[in-house]
Amino acid sequence: LREIRTRLNFDKVITKFINANRLLPWISERFKTRTTYLIIRHPCATISSQLKTGWIGYPKKIEQEIHQGNIDLLRKKVLEKSLTIPLVREKPEIIMKIKKMKTREELLAVEWSLDYIIPLRVFSDYDWYLVVYEELIKKYETTLEGIFNKINEEIPKKAYQVVKKPSITSKETEINAIRQLQKWKKHLSKEQVRKILDTTNLFGLDFYTEEAEPDYKKLNKILR
């Protein structure tokens, strides 16, 4: 209750969405905000976490089935979502490859691609600010400057503490930048990494490779 009372007195609000990337254009048009931030993270890191936790953005019952190995259900859900996006629906070769996918990591890589193909390739001209997760971890001071400069605000002192704090899914007490960015390499096999990257490349999102950080030349080319 104390937290609720405190927040009722705030004059500024930041809203965080975990699964709203595909709604970003709609949110930008619908709501008057000072700015919108899009956070992007290496697909292998994202999928490694999803495979461990089972949290992939579906209702709990569906997540449990998929986590227990129901590939057919995941493939069905991914296909349904893919067919709602014209850029994907109009490419039968991609749809055919999705239908033939037999592993969770491939299908989750499709999900990751759908999350980013809309804001990066379809609606890249919207006024949002891209935050690269790897930059936030490795060069948090510079990244925080960019985030708060975008809205002409001073950086709160607490921000420097929060950015070093691991997520609730981690057992660590403090973020070690190098270990954090390399962690997925310990949990995914080379074959899994290859399948994930081959899948994201299908969608033209080839700026992430086996390296921990993105290829900024390729990323900037997509943004232009």
Protein backbone atom coordinates (compact mmCIF):
# COMPACT_ATOMS: atom_id res chain seq x y z
CA LEU A 1 0.00 0.00 0.00
CA ARG A 2 2.87 2.37 0.76
CA GLU A 3 4.18 1.84 -2.79
CA ILE A 4 0.75 2.61 -4.24
CA ARG A 5 0.38 5.81 -2.19
CA THR A 6 3.84 6.95 -3.24
CA ARG A 7 3.15 6.39 -6.91
CA LEU A 8 -0.15 8.27 -6.77
CA ASN A 9 1.88 11.40 -6.06
CA PHE A 10 4.16 11.01 -9.09
CA ASP A 11 3.86 13.60 -11.84
CA LYS A 12 5.66 11.45 -14.44
CA VAL A 13 4.93 7.86 -15.44
CA ILE A 14 6.96 5.30 -17.36
CA THR A 15 4.97 2.36 -18.70
CA LYS A 16 6.80 -0.86 -19.59
CA PHE A 17 5.38 -3.46 -21.96
CA ILE A 18 7.02 -6.86 -22.39
CA ASN A 19 5.03 -7.99 -25.43
CA ALA A 20 3.91 -4.82 -27.17
CA ASN A 21 6.52 -4.35 -29.92
CA ARG A 22 4.01 -5.17 -32.65
CA LEU A 23 1.64 -2.58 -31.20
CA LEU A 24 4.27 0.15 -31.12
CA PRO A 25 2.94 2.07 -34.17
CA TRP A 26 -0.61 1.95 -32.72
CA ILE A 27 0.61 3.10 -29.29
CA SER A 28 2.57 5.95 -30.88
CA GLU A 29 -0.50 7.17 -32.74
CA ARG A 30 -3.03 6.54 -29.98
CA PHE A 31 -1.32 8.08 -26.97
CA LYS A 32 0.40 11.41 -26.43
CA THR A 33 3.69 10.50 -24.81
CA ARG A 34 6.92 12.41 -24.51
CA THR A 35 8.64 9.59 -26.34
CA THR A 36 8.59 5.85 -26.84
CA TYR A 37 11.56 3.54 -26.34
CA LEU A 38 12.11 0.26 -28.15
CA ILE A 39 14.55 -2.13 -26.45
CA ILE A 40 16.26 -4.76 -28.58
CA ARG A 41 18.30 -7.73 -27.32
CA HIS A 42 20.24 -10.54 -29.00
CA PRO A 43 17.74 -13.23 -30.09
CA CYS A 44 19.95 -15.98 -28.65
CA ALA A 45 19.94 -14.28 -25.24
CA THR A 46 16.17 -13.78 -25.37
CA ILE A 47 15.45 -17.35 -26.47
CA SER A 48 17.90 -18.86 -23.99
CA SER A 49 15.95 -17.16 -21.21
CA GLN A 50 12.61 -18.29 -22.67
CA LEU A 51 13.75 -21.90 -22.90
CA LYS A 52 14.86 -21.84 -19.26
CA THR A 53 11.85 -20.08 -17.76
CA GLY A 54 9.06 -21.09 -20.14
CA TRP A 55 7.91 -17.46 -20.24
CA ILE A 56 7.23 -16.70 -23.89
CA GLY A 57 4.28 -14.32 -23.81
CA TYR A 58 1.35 -16.73 -24.02
CA PRO A 59 -1.34 -17.51 -21.44
CA LYS A 60 0.09 -19.67 -18.64
CA LYS A 61 -1.65 -22.91 -19.67
CA ILE A 62 -0.33 -22.63 -23.23
CA GLU A 63 3.15 -21.75 -21.97
CA GLN A 64 3.19 -24.84 -19.79
CA GLU A 65 2.27 -27.10 -22.69
CA ILE A 66 4.93 -25.57 -24.91
CA HIS A 67 7.55 -25.73 -22.14
CA GLN A 68 6.76 -29.42 -21.78
CA GLY A 69 7.53 -29.96 -25.47
CA ASN A 70 4.29 -29.40 -27.43
CA ILE A 71 5.96 -28.19 -30.63
CA ASP A 72 2.78 -28.57 -32.70
CA LEU A 73 0.96 -26.06 -30.47
CA LEU A 74 3.82 -23.56 -30.67
CA ARG A 75 4.06 -23.95 -34.45
CA LYS A 76 0.30 -23.38 -34.77
CA LYS A 77 0.44 -20.20 -32.68
CA VAL A 78 3.47 -18.86 -34.54
CA LEU A 79 1.86 -19.53 -37.92
CA GLU A 80 -1.34 -17.77 -36.85
CA LYS A 81 0.63 -14.68 -35.87
CA SER A 82 2.82 -14.77 -38.98
CA LEU A 83 -0.22 -14.77 -41.26
CA THR A 84 -1.51 -11.54 -39.69
CA ILE A 85 1.54 -9.60 -40.92
CA PRO A 86 1.39 -8.76 -44.66
CA LEU A 87 5.17 -8.49 -45.01
CA VAL A 88 5.45 -12.11 -43.87
CA ARG A 89 2.19 -13.49 -45.27
CA GLU A 90 3.17 -12.36 -48.78
CA LYS A 91 6.35 -14.47 -48.69
CA PRO A 92 5.26 -18.11 -49.10
CA GLU A 93 8.85 -19.34 -48.76
CA ILE A 94 8.94 -18.08 -45.17
CA ILE A 95 5.55 -19.58 -44.33
CA MET A 96 6.66 -22.94 -45.76
CA LYS A 97 9.82 -22.93 -43.66
CA ILE A 98 7.84 -22.12 -40.52
CA LYS A 99 5.54 -25.08 -41.23
CA LYS A 100 8.59 -27.37 -41.38
CA MET A 101 10.23 -26.13 -38.17
CA LYS A 102 10.57 -28.82 -35.51
CA THR A 103 12.36 -27.10 -32.62
CA ARG A 104 11.30 -24.56 -30.03
CA GLU A 105 14.34 -22.36 -30.67
CA GLU A 106 13.48 -21.95 -34.36
CA LEU A 107 9.85 -21.08 -33.65
CA LEU A 108 10.80 -18.71 -30.84
CA ALA A 109 13.23 -17.07 -33.27
CA VAL A 110 10.24 -16.45 -35.56
CA GLU A 111 8.44 -14.84 -32.62
CA TRP A 112 11.48 -12.63 -31.95
CA SER A 113 11.60 -11.67 -35.63
CA LEU A 114 7.89 -10.79 -35.71
CA ASP A 115 8.41 -8.60 -32.64
CA TYR A 116 11.07 -6.53 -34.39
CA ILE A 117 10.21 -6.67 -38.08
CA ILE A 118 7.22 -4.38 -37.54
CA PRO A 119 8.95 -1.50 -35.73
CA LEU A 120 12.31 -1.84 -37.54
CA ARG A 121 11.28 -2.59 -41.13
CA VAL A 122 7.61 -1.65 -41.52
CA PHE A 123 7.26 1.42 -39.31
CA SER A 124 10.86 2.52 -38.80
CA ASP A 125 9.99 6.18 -39.49
CA TYR A 126 7.99 6.54 -36.26
CA ASP A 127 9.50 8.74 -33.60
CA TRP A 128 10.80 6.23 -31.10
CA TYR A 129 14.19 5.81 -29.52
CA LEU A 130 16.05 2.52 -29.96
CA VAL A 131 17.83 1.17 -26.88
CA VAL A 132 20.26 -1.68 -27.56
CA TYR A 133 20.32 -3.96 -24.51
CA GLU A 134 23.98 -4.84 -24.99
CA GLU A 135 24.90 -1.15 -24.98
CA LEU A 136 22.80 -0.58 -21.86
CA ILE A 137 24.73 -3.32 -20.04
CA LYS A 138 28.20 -2.51 -21.35
CA LYS A 139 28.08 1.29 -21.59
CA TYR A 140 25.22 2.14 -19.28
CA GLU A 141 26.33 5.71 -18.54
CA THR A 142 26.35 6.72 -22.22
CA THR A 143 23.13 4.84 -22.88
CA LEU A 144 21.34 6.46 -19.94
CA GLU A 145 22.46 9.87 -21.19
CA GLY A 146 20.83 9.19 -24.54
CA ILE A 147 17.64 7.89 -22.94
CA PHE A 148 17.13 10.92 -20.71
CA ASN A 149 18.42 13.49 -23.22
CA LYS A 150 15.62 12.34 -25.50
CA ILE A 151 13.08 13.78 -23.03
CA ASN A 152 15.27 16.61 -21.72
CA GLU A 153 15.43 15.19 -18.22
CA GLU A 154 18.28 14.83 -15.79
CA ILE A 155 19.34 11.27 -15.05
CA PRO A 156 17.95 10.21 -11.64
CA LYS A 157 20.71 9.00 -9.33
CA LYS A 158 18.74 5.82 -8.71
CA ALA A 159 18.95 4.94 -12.42
CA TYR A 160 22.62 4.04 -12.04
CA GLN A 161 21.70 1.58 -9.28
CA VAL A 162 18.78 0.04 -11.13
CA VAL A 163 20.73 -0.57 -14.35
CA LYS A 164 23.18 -2.77 -12.42
CA LYS A 165 20.42 -4.88 -10.87
CA PRO A 166 19.68 -8.26 -12.52
CA SER A 167 16.15 -9.20 -13.55
CA ILE A 168 13.91 -11.26 -11.28
CA THR A 169 14.71 -14.36 -13.38
CA SER A 170 18.39 -14.19 -12.41
CA LYS A 171 20.01 -15.68 -9.32
CA GLU A 172 22.85 -13.15 -9.45
CA THR A 173 22.94 -10.13 -7.15
CA GLU A 174 24.81 -7.78 -9.50
CA ILE A 175 25.31 -7.62 -13.24
CA ASN A 176 28.76 -8.42 -14.59
CA ALA A 177 28.68 -6.96 -18.12
CA ILE A 178 30.94 -9.49 -19.84
CA ARG A 179 29.35 -12.50 -18.14
CA GLN A 180 25.84 -11.17 -18.77
CA LEU A 181 26.40 -10.70 -22.50
CA GLN A 182 28.07 -14.08 -22.92
CA LYS A 183 25.72 -16.09 -20.70
CA TRP A 184 23.53 -17.45 -23.49
CA LYS A 185 26.56 -19.12 -25.10
CA LYS A 186 26.75 -21.50 -22.14
CA HIS A 187 23.11 -22.53 -22.42
CA LEU A 188 22.69 -22.94 -26.17
CA SER A 189 24.47 -25.45 -28.39
CA LYS A 190 26.15 -24.34 -31.61
CA GLU A 191 23.33 -26.03 -33.52
CA GLN A 192 20.69 -24.09 -31.60
CA VAL A 193 22.53 -20.81 -32.21
CA ARG A 194 22.77 -21.61 -35.93
CA LYS A 195 19.04 -22.36 -36.15
CA ILE A 196 18.11 -19.16 -34.33
CA LEU A 197 20.29 -16.94 -36.51
CA ASP A 198 19.26 -18.69 -39.74
CA THR A 199 15.65 -17.98 -38.77
CA THR A 200 16.13 -14.28 -37.97
CA ASN A 201 18.07 -13.90 -41.23
CA LEU A 202 14.97 -15.13 -43.09
CA PHE A 203 13.28 -11.91 -42.04
CA GLY A 204 16.22 -9.70 -43.03
CA LEU A 205 17.16 -9.16 -39.39
CA ASP A 206 20.78 -10.20 -39.79
CA PHE A 207 22.50 -7.63 -37.56
CA TYR A 208 22.96 -10.16 -34.75
CA THR A 209 25.53 -12.92 -35.27
CA GLU A 210 27.39 -15.36 -33.02
CA GLU A 211 29.02 -12.32 -31.43
CA ALA A 212 27.45 -10.98 -28.23
CA GLU A 213 26.87 -7.50 -29.67
CA PRO A 214 25.07 -6.44 -32.85
CA ASP A 215 26.67 -5.42 -36.12
CA TYR A 216 25.83 -1.71 -35.91
CA LYS A 217 26.43 -1.06 -39.63
CA LYS A 218 23.74 -3.57 -40.54
CA LEU A 219 21.41 -2.33 -37.80
CA ASN A 220 21.77 1.30 -38.87
CA LYS A 221 21.15 0.30 -42.49
CA ILE A 222 17.77 -1.18 -41.48
CA LEU A 223 16.92 1.90 -39.42
CA ARG A 224 17.59 4.18 -42.39
